[in-house]
C-alpha cells in the first residue's frame, strides 16, 4: 500500500490506495470524498460515518486545488494515473431559483411599500377626521378619568330640577354638556338637553344635539330618534318627522312612545286609518299600554261611538289604575256628553285618588265646576292645585280668568303677572292677559301682549288664535287692511279654523263686499280636510297583531258586533264580572249637575296632603314665598340632632 503524503499542513487529508482496484481517498476535516476513476462503482468509508463529513460546497474546490499543489513533481505521473474526478453538481438550477425568489421578494416589498403608502394616506385622513370629532377618538376619551356612573344619574336629576322649577337653563345646559363629554355613549343627556333647548325655542341647537346623540350611540337609541321626531313635528316638518319615527321603531320596535307619537302625527294630518294601524303595532310589539288605549278611546269619542270609547278607557285604566291622564280624559268625555254626575265621580273617586298632587287633575276639575256654575268650589280647587304646584303657570292663568269674570280686573292682573313671571314663555298666559286688557279697553296694552305671544312662537295653535283675536281688535277699531292681513296670517298657520274664515267673511259683508265674502266661504269649503272615520277597523283590529297572540281572540271572545253591545256587556268581554275592579258608570235620567256629593274635600286634603283649606288664601296673597314653602309628605327625612337643636334655640330667641 503506497501512501501519498500531503503537505505539511494538518489541514489537508491523507490519501491512501489499497490493492482494491477501486481507489478510496479518506479525507478528513470537511474534505469531500472523490472517486478515483469514472468506472468506480461506489465510494465507501471504512470508519464510522460520524467521524467524516461529506460537504459539497465551495470548500471542496479549494481542497482539490490544495491537494494538487501538495503533490511532488516526481510523483506527478502517479498522480496523473490516479485521475481524481469530483462529482459534477449542477448549480445553475439553484441559482435560477434563488434569482426568482429574490425577484419575488423585491416585488412583494414594492407591493407592501405601495400598500403602506395607501394605508398611511387613509390613516392620515382618519386622524384628521378624528380631530374634528373627539368622541370617536378612543385615546382622548379613555384618557379622561370618568366619575362613577351614579354621578350621571345625579347630574341628570339636578339638571331637570334646574330647568323645571327654577328655570336656570344655562346652568342646566352646562351641566348636561359636561355629562356628554364624560359619557358620550349614553343617550339620556342628549334627550334632556334637547328638550331644554326646545323649551327655549332653540330648535337649531336642539336638532344638532339630537343628531350628535344619534351618531354617538350609533343609531341604536330609540329615545333620541323619537325626541328628534317630535321636534320636527312641532316645527311642521312632517315628512322628516315620519322618517325619524321610522328610525326609532327600527332601533327598538318595542318603544311604544315612537309608535304613539307617529300615530299622533298621522292624526294631525287626518290619516285616521294609518294612525290606527300604528297604534295597533304599538300594542303588538310593546304590549298593552295605557296611552295607546287612551288615544284609541279619544278617536272613538270623536267619532261619537261613546260605548266603544268607554270600553277603551276602561282598558287604559286597567293597564295603569294610577294613570291620572286616563281618568281625566274619560271624565272630559262625560262632560261633553253632559253626564256631570259621572264626570264628578271620575274626578273625586279616581283622578285625585290616583294622583293627589297632579296639577292637571285639580285644574280640569276646577274648570269643570266653574263652568257649570259652582264658582266657589272651582276657585277652591284651583287654589288647592296652585298650593300643591306653586310653579305652575296654567293654574294661575285659569284662576286669573275666573277672578276677572266674577271679581275685579286688578286681582286678575296680579295673577297674570305672577304667572308670566313663573313661565315667561307660556303663550296662553300672554294671550289671555291681552284678551282681558282688550275687554277693559286698553288697546295698546292688548297689542303689546299679543305681540309678546307671537314673539314666542308664530306657528302654534295659540299663535293662530292670537292672530284671529288681534284681527277682530283691529276690525273694531276700523283698521280693515290690518285686520285682513292678520286674518290671512292666522289662516296660514291653521287653515282649518272655521271661526277665522267666517269672521273674515262677516267683516267683508259688513263692508258691502258680498262677492268677496262668498269667495271666502267657498275657499273654506274647498280647502277643508274632512276626516271620515268608520267603524270597520274594529272588526279587523286584532288582525294586525302577531299570530302568536291570536289566542287572545278566543280569550276575549270578540265578535264583529261586540262594540255595539251595551257598556255592561262590554265589561264582560275581558272576562270580568261585577266583582271586578272595572269602573262602571250609572247614567241617571235626571242628572243633577249641582247635586251634593258625598266626597269630603276638606277631609281629603287634610288627610292625604296635610293642607288646611282656610290657609289657601294666605298663599295666594304672597305668591313669591309660596314657591319656597314645601308641602310636607308622609316620608320622614333624617336630620342631624344638632340642626334640630339650632332651630329650637333660634325659636326661643325669637
Foldseek 3Di string as FASTA:
>chain_A
DDWFDFDPDPQWATFDADPPPWGWGDTANAAATWTQDPPDPDYDDPDDPVRHDHDPDPVNVVNVVRRVVGGDPVCVVVVVVRHTDHDDDDCPVVVVVVVVVVVVVVVVVVVVVVVVVVVVVVVVVVVVVCVVPVLPPVVVLVVDDADDPVVVVVLLVVLCCCCPFVNPLVVSLVSLVVVCSNCVQDLVSLLSNLVSCVLQVVLVVNLVSLVSSCVSNVLLALSSLQSNLVSCVVVVVNVVSLVSLVSSCVSPVLPLSSLQVNLVSCVVVLNNVVSLLSLLSNCQRNNDELSSLQVVLVVCLVVVLNLSSLLSLLSSCVVPQLPLVSLQSNLVSCVVVVLQVLSVCSLQVGNCVSPVQDLVSLQSVLVSCVVVPNLVVSLLSLLVNCLSPVLALVSLQVNLVSCVVPPNNVLSVVSLVSSCVSPVLDLVSLLSNLVSCVVVVNPVSSVVSLVSSCVNPCQDLSNLVSLLVVLVSCVVVPNNVSSVVSLVSSCVNPVQDPVSLQVNLVSCVVVVNNVVSVVSVVVNVVPHDDRDDDPPCVQCSCVSHDPVVPCVCVQLVDDPCQSVDGSQSSVPSNPDDPPDPGDDDDRDPDRDNPDDDPRDPQVVCCVQFVDHSVCSVVCSVPSVCSSVDHGDHPDDDDDDPVVVVVVVVVVVVD
